[in-house]
C-alpha atoms as a PDB file:
ATOM      1  CA  MET A   1     101.506 121.561 113.382  1.00  0.00           C
ATOM      2  CA  ASP A   2      98.933 122.365 110.703  1.00  0.00           C
ATOM      3  CA  TRP A   3      98.337 118.923 109.192  1.00  0.00           C
ATOM      4  CA  GLU A   4      95.256 120.104 107.287  1.00  0.00           C
ATOM      5  CA  ARG A   5      97.474 121.993 104.849  1.00  0.00           C
ATOM      6  CA  TYR A   6      98.294 118.617 103.274  1.00  0.00           C
ATOM      7  CA  ARG A   7      94.670 117.779 102.452  1.00  0.00           C
ATOM      8  CA  VAL A   8      93.526 118.193  98.846  1.00  0.00           C
ATOM      9  CA  GLU A   9      90.360 120.251  98.679  1.00  0.00           C
ATOM     10  CA  PRO A  10      87.566 118.776  96.510  1.00  0.00           C
ATOM     11  CA  GLY A  11      87.678 119.947  92.905  1.00  0.00           C
ATOM     12  CA  ILE A  12      91.193 121.400  93.175  1.00  0.00           C
ATOM     13  CA  LYS A  13      93.859 120.058  90.832  1.00  0.00           C
ATOM     14  CA  PRO A  14      97.253 120.412  92.513  1.00  0.00           C
ATOM     15  CA  ASN A  15     100.408 120.895  90.473  1.00  0.00           C
ATOM     16  CA  LEU A  16     102.670 118.187  91.886  1.00  0.00           C
ATOM     17  CA  ALA A  17     105.748 119.822  90.404  1.00  0.00           C
ATOM     18  CA  LYS A  18     105.119 122.758  92.724  1.00  0.00           C
ATOM     19  CA  VAL A  19     104.147 120.757  95.821  1.00  0.00           C
ATOM     20  CA  SER A  20     107.090 120.379  98.196  1.00  0.00           C
ATOM     21  CA  THR A  21     108.435 116.916  98.920  1.00  0.00           C
ATOM     22  CA  LEU A  22     110.270 118.193 102.019  1.00  0.00           C
ATOM     23  CA  PRO A  23     109.089 118.904 105.580  1.00  0.00           C
ATOM     24  CA  PRO A  24     108.641 122.503 106.760  1.00  0.00           C
ATOM     25  CA  SER A  25     111.951 124.195 107.542  1.00  0.00           C
ATOM     26  CA  ASN A  26     110.978 124.823 111.177  1.00  0.00           C
ATOM     27  CA  VAL A  27     110.400 121.115 111.946  1.00  0.00           C
ATOM     28  CA  GLU A  28     113.353 119.492 113.714  1.00  0.00           C
ATOM     29  CA  LYS A  29     114.181 115.871 112.931  1.00  0.00           C
ATOM     30  CA  ASN A  30     115.241 114.947 116.466  1.00  0.00           C
ATOM     31  CA  VAL A  31     112.102 116.413 118.009  1.00  0.00           C
ATOM     32  CA  VAL A  32     109.890 114.515 115.576  1.00  0.00           C
ATOM     33  CA  LYS A  33     111.679 111.167 115.999  1.00  0.00           C
ATOM     34  CA  GLU A  34     112.190 111.318 119.756  1.00  0.00           C
ATOM     35  CA  GLU A  35     109.038 113.117 120.927  1.00  0.00           C
ATOM     36  CA  TRP A  36     106.262 113.706 118.414  1.00  0.00           C
ATOM     37  CA  PHE A  37     106.265 110.397 116.543  1.00  0.00           C
ATOM     38  CA  PRO A  38     106.387 108.125 119.639  1.00  0.00           C
ATOM     39  CA  ALA A  39     103.538 110.135 121.192  1.00  0.00           C
ATOM     40  CA  GLU A  40     101.410 109.671 118.056  1.00  0.00           C
ATOM     41  CA  LEU A  41     102.044 105.899 118.054  1.00  0.00           C
ATOM     42  CA  GLU A  42     100.997 105.623 121.695  1.00  0.00           C
ATOM     43  CA  GLU A  43      97.807 107.546 121.023  1.00  0.00           C
ATOM     44  CA  MET A  44      97.057 105.419 117.966  1.00  0.00           C
ATOM     45  CA  LYS A  45      97.391 102.221 120.030  1.00  0.00           C
ATOM     46  CA  THR A  46      94.722 103.490 122.418  1.00  0.00           C
ATOM     47  CA  TRP A  47      92.354 104.451 119.613  1.00  0.00           C
ATOM     48  CA  GLN A  48      92.838 101.128 117.852  1.00  0.00           C
ATOM     49  CA  GLU A  49      92.052  99.192 121.010  1.00  0.00           C
ATOM     50  CA  LYS A  50      88.805 101.135 121.423  1.00  0.00           C
ATOM     51  CA  LEU A  51      87.890 100.649 117.757  1.00  0.00           C
ATOM     52  CA  TYR A  52      88.488  96.896 118.086  1.00  0.00           C
ATOM     53  CA  ALA A  53      86.476  96.656 121.313  1.00  0.00           C
ATOM     54  CA  GLU A  54      83.619  98.718 119.898  1.00  0.00           C
ATOM     55  CA  LYS A  55      83.300  96.571 116.726  1.00  0.00           C
ATOM     56  CA  GLU A  56      80.940  99.047 115.089  1.00  0.00           C
ATOM     57  CA  ARG A  57      83.114 100.830 112.535  1.00  0.00           C
ATOM     58  CA  GLY A  58      86.231 100.255 110.466  1.00  0.00           C
ATOM     59  CA  LEU A  59      89.040 102.299 108.953  1.00  0.00           C
ATOM     60  CA  VAL A  60      90.436 101.870 105.436  1.00  0.00           C
ATOM     61  CA  ILE A  61      93.834 103.454 104.849  1.00  0.00           C
ATOM     62  CA  VAL A  62      94.962 103.794 101.229  1.00  0.00           C
ATOM     63  CA  LEU A  63      98.663 104.254 100.465  1.00  0.00           C
ATOM     64  CA  GLN A  64      99.552 105.319  96.933  1.00  0.00           C
ATOM     65  CA  ALA A  65     102.910 106.524  95.659  1.00  0.00           C
ATOM     66  CA  ARG A  66     105.488 106.353  92.948  1.00  0.00           C
ATOM     67  CA  ASP A  67     108.014 103.521  93.217  1.00  0.00           C
ATOM     68  CA  ALA A  68     110.457 103.718  96.161  1.00  0.00           C
ATOM     69  CA  ALA A  69     108.443 106.438  97.907  1.00  0.00           C
ATOM     70  CA  GLY A  70     108.227 104.498 101.172  1.00  0.00           C
ATOM     71  CA  LYS A  71     104.886 102.671 101.339  1.00  0.00           C
ATOM     72  CA  ASP A  72     106.350  99.508 102.874  1.00  0.00           C
ATOM     73  CA  GLY A  73     108.401 101.496 105.369  1.00  0.00           C
ATOM     74  CA  THR A  74     105.375 103.529 106.393  1.00  0.00           C
ATOM     75  CA  ILE A  75     103.400 100.366 107.081  1.00  0.00           C
ATOM     76  CA  LYS A  76     106.300  98.847 109.009  1.00  0.00           C
ATOM     77  CA  HIS A  77     107.106 101.868 111.185  1.00  0.00           C
ATOM     78  CA  VAL A  78     103.605 103.233 111.745  1.00  0.00           C
ATOM     79  CA  PHE A  79     101.017 100.503 111.658  1.00  0.00           C
ATOM     80  CA  THR A  80     102.928  97.447 112.862  1.00  0.00           C
ATOM     81  CA  ALA A  81     103.136  99.249 116.204  1.00  0.00           C
ATOM     82  CA  LEU A  82      99.444  98.344 116.564  1.00  0.00           C
ATOM     83  CA  ASN A  83      97.819  95.099 117.695  1.00  0.00           C
ATOM     84  CA  PRO A  84      98.101  92.822 114.626  1.00  0.00           C
ATOM     85  CA  GLN A  85      94.818  91.175 115.587  1.00  0.00           C
ATOM     86  CA  GLY A  86      92.946  94.232 114.369  1.00  0.00           C
ATOM     87  CA  VAL A  87      95.119  95.322 111.424  1.00  0.00           C
ATOM     88  CA  HIS A  88      95.175  93.740 107.977  1.00  0.00           C
ATOM     89  CA  VAL A  89      97.512  94.758 105.146  1.00  0.00           C
ATOM     90  CA  THR A  90      96.706  93.981 101.515  1.00  0.00           C
ATOM     91  CA  ALA A  91      99.187  94.645  98.718  1.00  0.00           C
ATOM     92  CA  PHE A  92      97.482  95.005  95.357  1.00  0.00           C
ATOM     93  CA  LYS A  93      99.727  93.871  92.547  1.00  0.00           C
ATOM     94  CA  GLU A  94      98.957  93.119  88.906  1.00  0.00           C
ATOM     95  CA  PRO A  95      95.438  91.632  88.686  1.00  0.00           C
ATOM     96  CA  SER A  96      95.192  87.869  88.264  1.00  0.00           C
ATOM     97  CA  ALA A  97      93.167  86.236  85.493  1.00  0.00           C
ATOM     98  CA  GLU A  98      90.368  85.592  87.989  1.00  0.00           C
ATOM     99  CA  GLU A  99      90.328  89.245  89.024  1.00  0.00           C
ATOM    100  CA  LEU A 100      90.344  90.490  85.431  1.00  0.00           C
ATOM    101  CA  ASP A 101      87.204  88.425  84.787  1.00  0.00           C
ATOM    102  CA  ARG A 102      85.346  90.555  87.330  1.00  0.00           C
ATOM    103  CA  ASP A 103      84.677  94.245  87.832  1.00  0.00           C
ATOM    104  CA  TYR A 104      87.718  96.259  88.892  1.00  0.00           C
ATOM    105  CA  LEU A 105      86.413  96.914  92.427  1.00  0.00           C
ATOM    106  CA  TRP A 106      85.732  93.231  93.160  1.00  0.00           C
ATOM    107  CA  ARG A 107      89.158  92.393  94.569  1.00  0.00           C
ATOM    108  CA  ILE A 108      89.215  95.636  96.555  1.00  0.00           C
ATOM    109  CA  HIS A 109      85.845  95.049  98.170  1.00  0.00           C
ATOM    110  CA  LYS A 110      86.935  91.526  99.098  1.00  0.00           C
ATOM    111  CA  ALA A 111      89.864  92.962 101.071  1.00  0.00           C
ATOM    112  CA  LEU A 112      87.835  95.381 103.214  1.00  0.00           C
ATOM    113  CA  PRO A 113      88.355  95.092 106.972  1.00  0.00           C
ATOM    114  CA  ARG A 114      85.684  93.871 109.358  1.00  0.00           C
ATOM    115  CA  ARG A 115      84.031  96.203 111.818  1.00  0.00           C
ATOM    116  CA  GLY A 116      86.527  97.063 114.531  1.00  0.00           C
ATOM    117  CA  GLU A 117      89.513  96.617 112.246  1.00  0.00           C
ATOM    118  CA  ILE A 118      91.922  98.747 110.246  1.00  0.00           C
ATOM    119  CA  GLY A 119      92.541  97.705 106.641  1.00  0.00           C
ATOM    120  CA  ILE A 120      95.687  99.042 104.987  1.00  0.00           C
ATOM    121  CA  PHE A 121      95.874  99.009 101.200  1.00  0.00           C
ATOM    122  CA  ASN A 122      99.393  99.039  99.752  1.00  0.00           C
ATOM    123  CA  ARG A 123      98.268 100.380  96.383  1.00  0.00           C
ATOM    124  CA  SER A 124      94.542 100.110  95.791  1.00  0.00           C
ATOM    125  CA  HIS A 125      91.608 100.592  93.432  1.00  0.00           C
ATOM    126  CA  TYR A 126      93.359 103.799  92.318  1.00  0.00           C
ATOM    127  CA  GLU A 127      95.759 101.698  90.260  1.00  0.00           C
ATOM    128  CA  GLU A 128      92.799 101.340  87.884  1.00  0.00           C
ATOM    129  CA  VAL A 129      92.839 105.068  87.114  1.00  0.00           C
ATOM    130  CA  ILE A 130      96.618 105.526  87.318  1.00  0.00           C
ATOM    131  CA  VAL A 131      98.740 102.594  86.061  1.00  0.00           C
ATOM    132  CA  THR A 132      95.913 101.357  83.851  1.00  0.00           C
ATOM    133  CA  ARG A 133      95.602 104.837  82.370  1.00  0.00           C
ATOM    134  CA  VAL A 134      99.315 105.550  81.926  1.00  0.00           C
ATOM    135  CA  HIS A 135     100.001 102.222  80.227  1.00  0.00           C
ATOM    136  CA  LYS A 136      96.697 102.075  78.316  1.00  0.00           C
ATOM    137  CA  LEU A 137      96.000  98.606  79.738  1.00  0.00           C
ATOM    138  CA  LEU A 138      92.300  98.734  78.924  1.00  0.00           C
ATOM    139  CA  ASP A 139      93.156  98.574  75.246  1.00  0.00           C
ATOM    140  CA  ASN A 140      94.026  94.890  75.782  1.00  0.00           C
ATOM    141  CA  GLN A 141      90.669  94.072  77.372  1.00  0.00           C
ATOM    142  CA  ALA A 142      88.020  92.753  75.020  1.00  0.00           C
ATOM    143  CA  TYR A 143      85.146  94.310  76.968  1.00  0.00           C
ATOM    144  CA  PHE A 144      86.688  97.755  76.546  1.00  0.00           C
ATOM    145  CA  GLU A 145      85.625  97.930  72.891  1.00  0.00           C
ATOM    146  CA  ASP A 146      82.115  98.864  74.024  1.00  0.00           C
ATOM    147  CA  MET A 147      83.451 101.511  76.419  1.00  0.00           C
ATOM    148  CA  LYS A 148      85.785 103.464  74.169  1.00  0.00           C
ATOM    149  CA  HIS A 149      83.157 106.009  73.252  1.00  0.00           C
ATOM    150  CA  LYS A 150      82.643 106.856  76.906  1.00  0.00           C
ATOM    151  CA  LYS A 151      84.696 109.082  79.157  1.00  0.00           C
ATOM    152  CA  VAL A 152      85.980 106.025  80.949  1.00  0.00           C
ATOM    153  CA  TRP A 153      88.164 107.818  83.504  1.00  0.00           C
ATOM    154  CA  GLN A 154      85.432 110.241  84.498  1.00  0.00           C
ATOM    155  CA  ASP A 155      83.109 107.257  84.843  1.00  0.00           C
ATOM    156  CA  ARG A 156      85.579 105.516  87.107  1.00  0.00           C
ATOM    157  CA  PHE A 157      86.124 108.606  89.257  1.00  0.00           C
ATOM    158  CA  ARG A 158      82.353 108.764  89.757  1.00  0.00           C
ATOM    159  CA  GLU A 159      82.128 105.040  90.530  1.00  0.00           C
ATOM    160  CA  ILE A 160      84.978 105.223  93.044  1.00  0.00           C
ATOM    161  CA  ASN A 161      83.456 108.249  94.758  1.00  0.00           C
ATOM    162  CA  ASN A 162      80.109 106.489  94.999  1.00  0.00           C
ATOM    163  CA  TRP A 163      81.743 103.365  96.416  1.00  0.00           C
ATOM    164  CA  GLU A 164      83.712 105.295  99.021  1.00  0.00           C
ATOM    165  CA  GLU A 165      80.595 107.215 100.023  1.00  0.00           C
ATOM    166  CA  TYR A 166      78.782 103.895 100.355  1.00  0.00           C
ATOM    167  CA  LEU A 167      81.537 102.666 102.679  1.00  0.00           C
ATOM    168  CA  SER A 168      81.311 105.844 104.745  1.00  0.00           C
ATOM    169  CA  GLU A 169      77.544 105.510 105.111  1.00  0.00           C
ATOM    170  CA  ASN A 170      78.055 101.942 106.318  1.00  0.00           C
ATOM    171  CA  GLY A 171      80.576 102.841 109.002  1.00  0.00           C
ATOM    172  CA  PHE A 172      83.891 102.496 107.152  1.00  0.00           C
ATOM    173  CA  THR A 173      86.009 105.635 106.928  1.00  0.00           C
ATOM    174  CA  VAL A 174      88.391 105.886 103.957  1.00  0.00           C
ATOM    175  CA  LEU A 175      91.637 107.805 104.474  1.00  0.00           C
ATOM    176  CA  LYS A 176      93.949 108.263 101.470  1.00  0.00           C
ATOM    177  CA  PHE A 177      97.651 109.145 101.496  1.00  0.00           C
ATOM    178  CA  PHE A 178      99.903 109.910  98.539  1.00  0.00           C
ATOM    179  CA  LEU A 179     103.580 109.720  99.495  1.00  0.00           C
ATOM    180  CA  HIS A 180     105.067 112.506  97.387  1.00  0.00           C
ATOM    181  CA  VAL A 181     108.722 111.888  96.542  1.00  0.00           C
ATOM    182  CA  SER A 182     110.938 113.941  94.250  1.00  0.00           C
ATOM    183  CA  ARG A 183     112.504 112.494  91.125  1.00  0.00           C
ATOM    184  CA  GLU A 184     115.984 113.039  92.578  1.00  0.00           C
ATOM    185  CA  GLU A 185     115.168 111.276  95.841  1.00  0.00           C
ATOM    186  CA  GLN A 186     113.552 108.385  93.996  1.00  0.00           C
ATOM    187  CA  ALA A 187     116.711 107.935  91.899  1.00  0.00           C
ATOM    188  CA  GLU A 188     118.843 107.894  95.048  1.00  0.00           C
ATOM    189  CA  ARG A 189     116.653 105.258  96.682  1.00  0.00           C
ATOM    190  CA  ILE A 190     116.706 103.027  93.601  1.00  0.00           C
ATOM    191  CA  LEU A 191     120.501 103.368  93.453  1.00  0.00           C
ATOM    192  CA  ASP A 192     120.628 102.475  97.149  1.00  0.00           C
ATOM    193  CA  ARG A 193     118.890  99.212  96.346  1.00  0.00           C
ATOM    194  CA  ILE A 194     121.569  98.473  93.762  1.00  0.00           C
ATOM    195  CA  ARG A 195     124.502  99.423  95.983  1.00  0.00           C
ATOM    196  CA  GLN A 196     123.507  97.377  99.034  1.00  0.00           C
ATOM    197  CA  PRO A 197     123.323  93.576  98.603  1.00  0.00           C
ATOM    198  CA  GLU A 198     120.793  93.232 101.426  1.00  0.00           C
ATOM    199  CA  LYS A 199     118.430  95.470  99.419  1.00  0.00           C
ATOM    200  CA  HIS A 200     118.831  93.736  96.048  1.00  0.00           C
ATOM    201  CA  TRP A 201     115.572  91.896  96.583  1.00  0.00           C
ATOM    202  CA  LYS A 202     113.795  95.256  96.505  1.00  0.00           C
ATOM    203  CA  PHE A 203     115.262  96.261  93.156  1.00  0.00           C
ATOM    204  CA  SER A 204     113.189  95.882  90.023  1.00  0.00           C
ATOM    205  CA  LEU A 205     114.110  96.969  86.518  1.00  0.00           C
ATOM    206  CA  ALA A 206     110.481  98.039  86.181  1.00  0.00           C
ATOM    207  CA  ASP A 207     111.141 100.786  88.745  1.00  0.00           C
ATOM    208  CA  VAL A 208     113.760 102.267  86.425  1.00  0.00           C
ATOM    209  CA  ASN A 209     111.599 101.877  83.343  1.00  0.00           C
ATOM    210  CA  GLU A 210     108.658 103.594  85.045  1.00  0.00           C
ATOM    211  CA  ARG A 211     110.730 106.751  85.480  1.00  0.00           C
ATOM    212  CA  SER A 212     110.284 107.430  81.762  1.00  0.00           C
ATOM    213  CA  HIS A 213     106.576 107.925  82.535  1.00  0.00           C
ATOM    214  CA  TRP A 214     107.181 110.409  85.359  1.00  0.00           C
ATOM    215  CA  ASP A 215     105.140 113.220  83.808  1.00  0.00           C
ATOM    216  CA  ASP A 216     102.337 110.879  82.741  1.00  0.00           C
ATOM    217  CA  TYR A 217     102.016 109.585  86.286  1.00  0.00           C
ATOM    218  CA  GLY A 218     102.038 113.137  87.619  1.00  0.00           C
ATOM    219  CA  GLU A 219      99.170 114.113  85.336  1.00  0.00           C
ATOM    220  CA  ALA A 220      97.189 110.975  86.239  1.00  0.00           C
ATOM    221  CA  TYR A 221      97.615 111.583  89.970  1.00  0.00           C
ATOM    222  CA  GLU A 222      96.632 115.243  89.646  1.00  0.00           C
ATOM    223  CA  GLU A 223      93.399 114.194  87.937  1.00  0.00           C
ATOM    224  CA  VAL A 224      92.754 111.624  90.660  1.00  0.00           C
ATOM    225  CA  PHE A 225      93.199 114.238  93.385  1.00  0.00           C
ATOM    226  CA  LYS A 226      90.935 116.723  91.656  1.00  0.00           C
ATOM    227  CA  TYR A 227      88.038 114.340  91.130  1.00  0.00           C
ATOM    228  CA  THR A 228      88.269 111.902  94.060  1.00  0.00           C
ATOM    229  CA  SER A 229      89.344 113.984  97.055  1.00  0.00           C
ATOM    230  CA  THR A 230      85.973 114.332  98.760  1.00  0.00           C
ATOM    231  CA  GLY A 231      84.567 115.341 102.109  1.00  0.00           C
ATOM    232  CA  VAL A 232      84.073 111.719 103.176  1.00  0.00           C
ATOM    233  CA  ALA A 233      87.302 110.348 101.639  1.00  0.00           C
ATOM    234  CA  PRO A 234      89.961 113.066 101.331  1.00  0.00           C
ATOM    235  CA  TRP A 235      93.407 112.747  99.824  1.00  0.00           C
ATOM    236  CA  TYR A 236      96.505 113.920 101.702  1.00  0.00           C
ATOM    237  CA  ILE A 237      99.719 114.663  99.806  1.00  0.00           C
ATOM    238  CA  ILE A 238     102.535 113.701 102.181  1.00  0.00           C
ATOM    239  CA  PRO A 239     106.041 115.124 101.620  1.00  0.00           C
ATOM    240  CA  ALA A 240     108.092 111.919 101.515  1.00  0.00           C
ATOM    241  CA  ASP A 241     111.706 112.830 100.747  1.00  0.00           C
ATOM    242  CA  LYS A 242     112.380 112.534 104.493  1.00  0.00           C
ATOM    243  CA  LYS A 243     110.986 109.241 105.712  1.00  0.00           C
ATOM    244  CA  TRP A 244     110.903 110.299 109.358  1.00  0.00           C
ATOM    245  CA  PHE A 245     108.577 113.191 108.544  1.00  0.00           C
ATOM    246  CA  ALA A 246     106.311 111.218 106.203  1.00  0.00           C
ATOM    247  CA  ARG A 247     105.779 108.512 108.831  1.00  0.00           C
ATOM    248  CA  TYR A 248     105.066 111.049 111.548  1.00  0.00           C
ATOM    249  CA  LEU A 249     102.577 112.934 109.373  1.00  0.00           C
ATOM    250  CA  VAL A 250     100.677 109.768 108.412  1.00  0.00           C
ATOM    251  CA  ALA A 251     100.378 108.875 112.107  1.00  0.00           C
ATOM    252  CA  ARG A 252      99.368 112.440 113.010  1.00  0.00           C
ATOM    253  CA  ILE A 253      96.579 112.590 110.427  1.00  0.00           C
ATOM    254  CA  THR A 254      95.340 109.088 111.281  1.00  0.00           C
ATOM    255  CA  ASN A 255      95.006 110.124 114.928  1.00  0.00           C
ATOM    256  CA  ALA A 256      93.137 113.261 113.887  1.00  0.00           C
ATOM    257  CA  VAL A 257      90.603 111.041 112.104  1.00  0.00           C
ATOM    258  CA  PHE A 258      90.315 108.820 115.170  1.00  0.00           C
ATOM    259  CA  ARG A 259      89.586 111.889 117.293  1.00  0.00           C
ATOM    260  CA  LYS A 260      86.672 112.699 115.017  1.00  0.00           C
ATOM    261  CA  LEU A 261      85.386 109.129 115.097  1.00  0.00           C
ATOM    262  CA  GLN A 262      85.756 108.864 118.901  1.00  0.00           C
ATOM    263  CA  PRO A 263      85.588 105.059 119.187  1.00  0.00           C
ATOM    264  CA  ALA A 264      84.864 104.021 122.766  1.00  0.00           C
ATOM    265  CA  TYR A 265      84.837 100.911 124.906  1.00  0.00           C
ATOM    266  CA  PRO A 266      81.317  99.463 124.871  1.00  0.00           C
ATOM    267  CA  GLU A 267      79.200  99.729 127.988  1.00  0.00           C
ATOM    268  CA  LEU A 268      78.001  96.434 129.415  1.00  0.00           C
ATOM    269  CA  PRO A 269      74.282  95.804 129.865  1.00  0.00           C
ATOM    270  CA  PRO A 270      72.996  96.383 133.444  1.00  0.00           C
ATOM    271  CA  ALA A 271      72.423  92.649 134.003  1.00  0.00           C
ATOM    272  CA  THR A 272      76.011  91.857 133.039  1.00  0.00           C
ATOM    273  CA  ARG A 273      77.344  94.625 135.288  1.00  0.00           C
ATOM    274  CA  ARG A 274      75.357  93.214 138.217  1.00  0.00           C
ATOM    275  CA  GLN A 275      76.740  89.744 137.538  1.00  0.00           C
ATOM    276  CA  ILE A 276      80.309  91.089 137.395  1.00  0.00           C
ATOM    277  CA  GLU A 277      79.797  92.848 140.727  1.00  0.00           C
ATOM    278  CA  ALA A 278      78.518  89.617 142.241  1.00  0.00           C
ATOM    279  CA  TRP A 279      81.583  87.763 140.969  1.00  0.00           C
ATOM    280  CA  ARG A 280      83.841  90.476 142.324  1.00  0.00           C
ATOM    281  CA  LYS A 281      82.335  90.149 145.781  1.00  0.00           C
ATOM    282  CA  GLN A 282      82.497  86.366 145.651  1.00  0.00           C
ATOM    283  CA  LEU A 283      86.151  86.315 144.599  1.00  0.00           C
ATOM    284  CA  ALA A 284      87.052  88.946 147.180  1.00  0.00           C
ATOM    285  CA  GLU A 285      85.381  86.878 149.894  1.00  0.00           C
ATOM    286  CA  GLU A 286      87.148  83.715 148.740  1.00  0.00           C
ATOM    287  CA  GLY A 287      90.459  85.567 148.778  1.00  0.00           C
ATOM    288  CA  LYS A 288      89.783  86.862 152.294  1.00  0.00           C
ATOM    289  CA  THR A 289      88.900  83.370 153.538  1.00  0.00           C
ATOM    290  CA  ALA A 290      92.050  81.898 151.982  1.00  0.00           C
ATOM    291  CA  LEU A 291      94.203  84.574 153.615  1.00  0.00           C
ATOM    292  CA  GLU A 292      92.609  83.997 157.039  1.00  0.00           C
ATOM    293  CA  ALA A 293      93.203  80.264 156.707  1.00  0.00           C
ATOM    294  CA  LEU A 294      96.849  80.884 155.844  1.00  0.00           C
ATOM    295  CA  LEU A 295      97.348  83.164 158.851  1.00  0.00           C
ATOM    296  CA  THR A 296      95.853  80.674 161.327  1.00  0.00           C
ATOM    297  CA  LYS A 297      98.228  77.875 160.334  1.00  0.00           C
END
């Protein structure tokens, strides 16, 4: 399947209203769930093990979406299949007072994975050019008085691009997914949280209130895609009305990135290999002696 069709080309502003939220018509649900998706998870496990053993590079996966688009489910069904030792999930919620006293990338940089690990951001630094922009949150920050004459969003796009390029140059690949859900499907999922008692904990009145800003969010995301989908840190718009397809596609694209990175098990130094061979011979000889002693009893 042509997964590259979902990548946003640098400098192109997509019209989200015209971008499909559904999988291609020729993709069969049963084939994806029973064959394609399990195969991608198995491949991803192998790549992750090599990345962890290599301990030279890291992978940062950004998940952005409107409410109820499936970020938590994507993390649960795709990335929890991996070894938890090498995967760290950070959910970025409303900044704390401590975080607001620092630059907006401070808390994000703190959450970066170590070399050999995968860091998954459930929301991210992009909240600072999306939610902050839609709700005009900078107007409440005292320091913003000196910034109002500037093109603050263009400045932040540039700063984010520079930061992501810095990460890339230091061995950390940034991969960004936007789970694209339709307004109708979002409404159905929010209603589902109301109807089912076991999902009440997921329901928030804020999710309903945010729907009144649907067009504002669309415009903010389109600007983000245009200015921050780059060669080193591309955005992928994932059709998310069908969860089974969105999860498969995220896994498929992640594996494609791994294939480019080609992490590999490290080779041992010659001295260590010689020592291992000596141990192998010693243990084999001890095992042979023990077996001979057992047979002569």
